[in-house]
Amino acid sequence: MNRLVNNRLRQHYALKTILFAMLLIIAMAFDASVFAQGKRVPASAGREEYIEVEKNVRLHVTDLGDGQPIVLIHGWPLSDAMYEYQYQYLVQKGFRVIGISLRGFGKSDKPYGRYDFDVFSDDIKVILDKLKIENAVLGGYSLGGAVVLHYVTRYNSAHIGKLALFAAAAPSWLQRPGYPFGLTAEGAAGFIQLTRTDRPQVLDNFDKAFGATETSLSKGMSEWLKGINLEASPYAATQSISALTQLDLRPELSKIKIPTVIFHGVKDKLCDFAFAEELHKGIKNSYVVKFENSGHALFVEEMEKFNTELEKFALK
């Protein structure tokens, strides 16, 4: 009998020991988990990569760095990714740089609907409102140059302290009475038709005319830019370039009162250097920076000059 009682007591204590050990392990694991979660510091700065501008439409935004904001709008049919080498430079120099991909381009949503300069400007306004941006430098390249010009006149330079135009397709991309620069109406119509029927040919033509010469850009750089171009919605690309043919900003230039810089390649074959001269004539508080060795791709052809001149303008 005593032996039986002793065996049962030993079994009882052994079971209690095992249960205690299990509870201790569980408690330690729980404490470690809580401790680890409590110490986890978020790596993100809390900024949104996608911002909704209207129901079911979100735009991709690159938002890097801290300090004075510089907002950049891309050209056709690129996206905010084109400014990769400006982001790298400007963040190092202590700026907050924000690149916005217009709807229909890059990683932004590509809804069916309008793709015109009112819509693009409205989208930019929503983003700047949501990000609470003030006194920014707003820069736009090629078609994006026309976008930012339209934005500052449509919204009376809201959120913006300075304007930068890079190889802008403005004040008019087409020839008009009293303005013998740019494409003819027939040339523009042929180009738009090509966007509907042979997009690879459009991109090949652009590639050949993009630099000061056909060999200005390295093969790697050319392929990188083509890759960005191919992310665009074909529909958005056609609609937006059609809207550009309807845009004449000459009457709007006198309304621009903020300091403005105009970057333009002397050898630009897509947007003639005369565009820069006309912009300078029309915008009172402006000056031109000539890129003597660049065509339309001045942001990579003379990257160092582009970046340092933009920094200099922002700090003025």
Protein backbone atom coordinates (compact mmCIF):
# COMPACT_ATOMS: atom_id res chain seq x y z
CA MET A 1 0.00 0.00 0.00
CA ASN A 2 2.76 2.49 0.97
CA ARG A 3 4.58 1.69 -2.22
CA LEU A 4 1.44 2.41 -4.26
CA VAL A 5 0.87 5.72 -2.45
CA ASN A 6 4.49 6.75 -2.95
CA ASN A 7 4.31 5.96 -6.69
CA ARG A 8 1.15 8.04 -7.06
CA LEU A 9 2.74 10.94 -5.17
CA ARG A 10 5.81 10.78 -7.39
CA GLN A 11 3.61 10.75 -10.50
CA HIS A 12 1.61 13.68 -9.15
CA TYR A 13 4.70 15.79 -8.45
CA ALA A 14 6.25 14.85 -11.78
CA LEU A 15 3.08 15.96 -13.58
CA LYS A 16 3.02 19.23 -11.64
CA THR A 17 6.68 19.82 -12.52
CA ILE A 18 6.00 19.23 -16.20
CA LEU A 19 2.96 21.54 -16.18
CA PHE A 20 4.90 24.25 -14.35
CA ALA A 21 7.76 24.01 -16.84
CA MET A 22 5.34 24.26 -19.77
CA LEU A 23 3.60 27.30 -18.26
CA LEU A 24 6.97 28.93 -17.60
CA ILE A 25 8.07 28.40 -21.23
CA ILE A 26 4.78 29.80 -22.55
CA ALA A 27 5.02 32.82 -20.25
CA MET A 28 8.61 33.52 -21.27
CA ALA A 29 7.72 33.25 -24.96
CA PHE A 30 4.76 35.60 -24.49
CA ASP A 31 6.86 38.12 -22.58
CA ALA A 32 9.56 37.99 -25.25
CA SER A 33 6.96 38.57 -28.00
CA VAL A 34 5.42 41.53 -26.18
CA PHE A 35 8.86 42.93 -25.45
CA ALA A 36 9.94 42.57 -29.07
CA GLN A 37 6.76 44.24 -30.38
CA GLY A 38 7.06 47.04 -27.88
CA LYS A 39 10.62 47.78 -28.96
CA ARG A 40 9.90 47.60 -32.72
CA VAL A 41 10.47 51.04 -34.20
CA PRO A 42 8.66 51.58 -37.55
CA ALA A 43 11.13 51.89 -40.42
CA SER A 44 8.70 53.89 -42.55
CA ALA A 45 8.34 57.65 -42.16
CA GLY A 46 4.57 57.16 -42.45
CA ARG A 47 4.25 58.68 -45.92
CA GLU A 48 1.81 57.24 -48.44
CA GLU A 49 3.11 55.88 -51.71
CA TYR A 50 -0.36 56.05 -53.26
CA ILE A 51 -2.73 58.99 -52.75
CA GLU A 52 -6.40 58.93 -53.73
CA VAL A 53 -7.36 61.97 -55.81
CA GLU A 54 -10.94 60.92 -56.45
CA LYS A 55 -13.01 57.79 -55.82
CA ASN A 56 -11.22 54.75 -57.25
CA VAL A 57 -8.29 56.79 -58.59
CA ARG A 58 -4.94 56.68 -56.78
CA LEU A 59 -1.74 58.28 -58.00
CA HIS A 60 1.75 57.00 -57.32
CA VAL A 61 3.90 59.44 -55.37
CA THR A 62 7.63 59.25 -54.62
CA ASP A 63 8.13 61.26 -51.42
CA LEU A 64 11.71 61.32 -50.14
CA GLY A 65 13.81 63.43 -47.80
CA ASP A 66 13.08 66.37 -45.56
CA GLY A 67 13.38 70.12 -45.89
CA GLN A 68 12.19 72.54 -48.54
CA PRO A 69 9.84 70.68 -50.92
CA ILE A 70 10.52 70.28 -54.62
CA VAL A 71 7.59 68.77 -56.55
CA LEU A 72 8.35 67.19 -59.94
CA ILE A 73 5.96 66.34 -62.80
CA HIS A 74 7.14 64.02 -65.57
CA GLY A 75 6.91 64.20 -69.33
CA TRP A 76 5.07 62.11 -71.94
CA PRO A 77 4.79 59.11 -71.78
CA LEU A 78 7.13 58.76 -68.80
CA SER A 79 6.37 58.68 -65.07
CA ASP A 80 7.85 60.05 -61.87
CA ALA A 81 10.51 57.31 -62.19
CA MET A 82 12.29 59.52 -64.78
CA TYR A 83 13.61 61.67 -61.92
CA GLU A 84 15.61 58.86 -60.29
CA TYR A 85 18.88 60.78 -60.49
CA GLN A 86 17.30 64.03 -59.29
CA TYR A 87 15.83 62.25 -56.24
CA GLN A 88 19.23 60.88 -55.31
CA TYR A 89 20.92 64.26 -55.57
CA LEU A 90 18.26 66.46 -53.98
CA VAL A 91 17.70 64.25 -50.93
CA GLN A 92 21.43 64.34 -50.22
CA LYS A 93 21.28 68.13 -50.41
CA GLY A 94 18.60 68.36 -47.73
CA PHE A 95 15.42 68.76 -49.81
CA ARG A 96 12.12 66.94 -49.62
CA VAL A 97 11.49 65.83 -53.20
CA ILE A 98 8.06 64.66 -54.34
CA GLY A 99 7.49 63.07 -57.73
CA ILE A 100 3.92 62.58 -58.92
CA SER A 101 2.95 60.17 -61.69
CA LEU A 102 -0.03 61.61 -63.51
CA ARG A 103 -3.09 59.39 -63.85
CA GLY A 104 -2.61 56.95 -66.70
CA PHE A 105 1.17 56.82 -66.34
CA GLY A 106 3.71 54.73 -64.46
CA LYS A 107 2.32 53.06 -61.34
CA SER A 108 -0.66 55.41 -61.04
CA ASP A 109 -4.19 54.18 -61.72
CA LYS A 110 -5.31 54.21 -65.34
CA PRO A 111 -9.07 54.75 -65.33
CA TYR A 112 -11.24 55.37 -68.34
CA GLY A 113 -12.17 59.06 -68.55
CA ARG A 114 -10.64 62.45 -69.28
CA TYR A 115 -6.91 63.02 -69.59
CA ASP A 116 -6.56 66.77 -70.02
CA PHE A 117 -4.77 69.61 -68.31
CA ASP A 118 -7.64 70.58 -66.04
CA VAL A 119 -7.76 67.02 -64.71
CA PHE A 120 -3.99 66.81 -64.24
CA SER A 121 -3.93 70.15 -62.42
CA ASP A 122 -6.85 69.17 -60.20
CA ASP A 123 -5.07 65.93 -59.26
CA ILE A 124 -1.90 67.81 -58.32
CA LYS A 125 -3.93 70.21 -56.18
CA VAL A 126 -5.51 67.33 -54.24
CA ILE A 127 -2.10 65.78 -53.54
CA LEU A 128 -0.51 69.05 -52.41
CA ASP A 129 -3.54 69.72 -50.20
CA LYS A 130 -3.33 66.28 -48.60
CA LEU A 131 0.42 66.50 -48.06
CA LYS A 132 0.06 70.06 -46.68
CA ILE A 133 2.88 71.28 -48.93
CA GLU A 134 3.72 74.97 -48.81
CA ASN A 135 6.18 77.22 -50.66
CA ALA A 136 7.35 74.41 -52.93
CA VAL A 137 9.38 74.56 -56.11
CA LEU A 138 7.14 73.02 -58.78
CA GLY A 139 9.00 71.57 -61.76
CA GLY A 140 7.63 70.05 -64.94
CA TYR A 141 9.31 68.36 -67.89
CA SER A 142 8.07 68.43 -71.52
CA LEU A 143 4.30 67.81 -71.39
CA GLY A 144 4.69 68.12 -67.61
CA GLY A 145 6.00 71.65 -68.20
CA ALA A 146 2.66 72.53 -69.79
CA VAL A 147 0.90 70.84 -66.86
CA VAL A 148 2.68 72.92 -64.21
CA LEU A 149 2.15 76.14 -66.15
CA HIS A 150 -1.55 75.37 -66.32
CA TYR A 151 -1.60 74.48 -62.62
CA VAL A 152 -0.09 77.75 -61.38
CA THR A 153 -2.48 79.83 -63.50
CA ARG A 154 -5.54 77.69 -62.69
CA TYR A 155 -4.87 77.72 -58.95
CA ASN A 156 -3.04 81.03 -58.57
CA SER A 157 0.21 79.26 -57.54
CA ALA A 158 -1.43 77.50 -54.56
CA HIS A 159 1.25 75.73 -52.46
CA ILE A 160 3.94 76.95 -54.86
CA GLY A 161 6.66 79.55 -54.34
CA LYS A 162 8.74 78.98 -57.48
CA LEU A 163 8.28 77.40 -60.91
CA ALA A 164 10.81 75.38 -62.92
CA LEU A 165 10.25 74.41 -66.56
CA PHE A 166 12.38 71.67 -68.13
CA ALA A 167 12.26 71.34 -71.95
CA ALA A 168 8.63 72.42 -71.65
CA ALA A 169 6.18 71.63 -74.47
CA ALA A 170 4.86 75.16 -74.04
CA PRO A 171 3.57 77.80 -74.45
CA SER A 172 2.19 75.93 -77.49
CA TRP A 173 3.37 72.61 -78.88
CA LEU A 174 1.76 73.43 -82.24
CA GLN A 175 2.30 76.22 -84.70
CA ARG A 176 -0.36 78.93 -84.51
CA PRO A 177 -0.93 82.38 -86.02
CA GLY A 178 1.94 84.56 -84.84
CA TYR A 179 3.75 81.50 -83.48
CA PRO A 180 5.75 79.62 -86.16
CA PHE A 181 7.28 77.09 -83.74
CA GLY A 182 6.59 73.41 -83.11
CA LEU A 183 4.56 70.90 -85.10
CA THR A 184 2.08 71.69 -87.82
CA ALA A 185 -1.51 70.57 -87.26
CA GLU A 186 -1.00 67.89 -89.90
CA GLY A 187 2.19 66.64 -88.28
CA ALA A 188 0.48 66.44 -84.89
CA ALA A 189 -2.48 64.53 -86.36
CA GLY A 190 -0.12 62.02 -87.96
CA PHE A 191 1.72 61.57 -84.68
CA ILE A 192 -1.50 61.01 -82.73
CA GLN A 193 -2.64 58.43 -85.30
CA LEU A 194 0.67 56.61 -84.87
CA THR A 195 0.09 56.36 -81.11
CA ARG A 196 -3.12 54.47 -81.92
CA THR A 197 -1.60 52.09 -84.46
CA ASP A 198 2.11 51.52 -83.76
CA ARG A 199 3.28 52.41 -80.27
CA PRO A 200 6.68 50.65 -80.66
CA GLN A 201 7.38 52.89 -83.65
CA VAL A 202 6.45 55.98 -81.62
CA LEU A 203 8.91 54.99 -78.91
CA ASP A 204 11.60 54.19 -81.46
CA ASN A 205 11.14 57.61 -83.10
CA PHE A 206 11.28 59.29 -79.70
CA ASP A 207 14.42 57.38 -78.79
CA LYS A 208 16.22 58.57 -81.91
CA ALA A 209 15.19 62.20 -81.39
CA PHE A 210 15.47 62.28 -77.60
CA GLY A 211 19.13 63.26 -77.24
CA ALA A 212 21.29 65.86 -78.93
CA THR A 213 22.38 63.06 -81.29
CA GLU A 214 21.20 59.48 -81.82
CA THR A 215 24.14 58.29 -79.72
CA SER A 216 23.90 60.84 -76.90
CA LEU A 217 22.30 58.33 -74.56
CA SER A 218 23.94 55.05 -73.65
CA LYS A 219 22.10 51.87 -74.62
CA GLY A 220 21.39 51.20 -70.95
CA MET A 221 19.93 54.65 -70.38
CA SER A 222 17.84 54.40 -73.53
CA GLU A 223 16.43 51.00 -72.53
CA TRP A 224 15.67 52.27 -69.02
CA LEU A 225 13.63 55.16 -70.40
CA LYS A 226 11.80 52.88 -72.87
CA GLY A 227 10.84 50.63 -69.98
CA ILE A 228 9.28 53.58 -68.14
CA ASN A 229 7.45 54.66 -71.30
CA LEU A 230 5.89 51.23 -71.74
CA GLU A 231 4.19 51.47 -68.33
CA ALA A 232 1.86 54.17 -69.66
CA SER A 233 -1.73 53.41 -70.58
CA PRO A 234 -1.95 53.57 -74.40
CA TYR A 235 -5.34 55.26 -74.08
CA ALA A 236 -4.04 57.86 -71.61
CA ALA A 237 -1.01 58.49 -73.81
CA THR A 238 -3.15 59.23 -76.85
CA GLN A 239 -5.71 61.31 -74.97
CA SER A 240 -3.13 63.45 -73.18
CA ILE A 241 -1.07 64.19 -76.29
CA SER A 242 -4.32 65.08 -78.08
CA ALA A 243 -5.12 67.50 -75.24
CA LEU A 244 -1.66 69.05 -75.63
CA THR A 245 -2.41 69.92 -79.26
CA GLN A 246 -5.41 71.96 -78.04
CA LEU A 247 -3.44 73.89 -75.42
CA ASP A 248 -2.24 77.44 -76.04
CA LEU A 249 -0.81 78.96 -72.87
CA ARG A 250 0.42 82.22 -74.37
CA PRO A 251 -2.44 84.30 -72.90
CA GLU A 252 -1.76 82.78 -69.46
CA LEU A 253 1.94 83.58 -69.14
CA SER A 254 1.46 87.15 -67.94
CA LYS A 255 -0.49 85.82 -64.94
CA ILE A 256 2.58 84.05 -63.54
CA LYS A 257 4.14 86.23 -60.84
CA ILE A 258 6.38 83.73 -59.02
CA PRO A 259 10.11 83.33 -59.83
CA THR A 260 10.54 80.99 -62.79
CA VAL A 261 13.54 79.20 -64.28
CA ILE A 262 13.51 77.73 -67.79
CA PHE A 263 15.88 74.82 -68.55
CA HIS A 264 16.17 73.93 -72.24
CA GLY A 265 18.53 72.01 -74.47
CA VAL A 266 19.91 74.06 -77.34
CA LYS A 267 19.82 70.94 -79.55
CA ASP A 268 16.28 69.86 -78.59
CA LYS A 269 14.58 68.28 -81.62
CA LEU A 270 11.23 67.57 -79.92
CA CYS A 271 10.58 70.96 -78.32
CA ASP A 272 12.49 73.67 -80.13
CA PHE A 273 14.70 76.01 -78.09
CA ALA A 274 12.45 78.82 -79.36
CA PHE A 275 9.86 77.55 -76.85
CA ALA A 276 12.18 78.60 -74.03
CA GLU A 277 12.65 82.05 -75.54
CA GLU A 278 8.90 82.52 -75.91
CA LEU A 279 8.33 81.45 -72.30
CA HIS A 280 10.97 83.88 -71.12
CA LYS A 281 9.33 86.72 -73.05
CA GLY A 282 5.92 85.93 -71.58
CA ILE A 283 6.88 85.28 -67.92
CA LYS A 284 8.08 88.48 -66.30
CA ASN A 285 10.16 87.11 -63.42
CA SER A 286 12.01 84.39 -65.36
CA TYR A 287 15.43 83.45 -66.66
CA VAL A 288 16.74 80.79 -69.05
CA VAL A 289 19.44 78.19 -68.37
CA LYS A 290 20.84 76.91 -71.66
CA PHE A 291 21.99 73.30 -71.91
CA GLU A 292 24.45 73.62 -74.77
CA ASN A 293 25.17 69.89 -75.09
CA SER A 294 21.64 68.55 -74.67
CA GLY A 295 18.65 67.67 -76.74
CA HIS A 296 15.33 66.85 -75.10
CA ALA A 297 16.96 64.55 -72.52
CA LEU A 298 18.76 67.33 -70.61
CA PHE A 299 17.95 65.73 -67.22
CA VAL A 300 20.32 62.85 -68.07
CA GLU A 301 22.49 64.31 -70.85
CA GLU A 302 23.79 67.06 -68.55
CA MET A 303 22.67 65.55 -65.27
CA GLU A 304 25.18 67.32 -63.02
CA LYS A 305 24.34 70.74 -64.44
CA PHE A 306 20.61 70.02 -64.28
CA ASN A 307 20.79 69.01 -60.62
CA THR A 308 23.05 71.81 -59.46
CA GLU A 309 21.10 74.50 -61.32
CA LEU A 310 17.86 73.21 -59.83
CA GLU A 311 19.40 73.26 -56.35
CA LYS A 312 20.69 76.77 -56.93
CA PHE A 313 17.26 78.00 -58.04
CA ALA A 314 15.53 76.38 -55.07
CA LEU A 315 17.93 78.09 -52.63
CA LYS A 316 17.56 81.58 -54.14
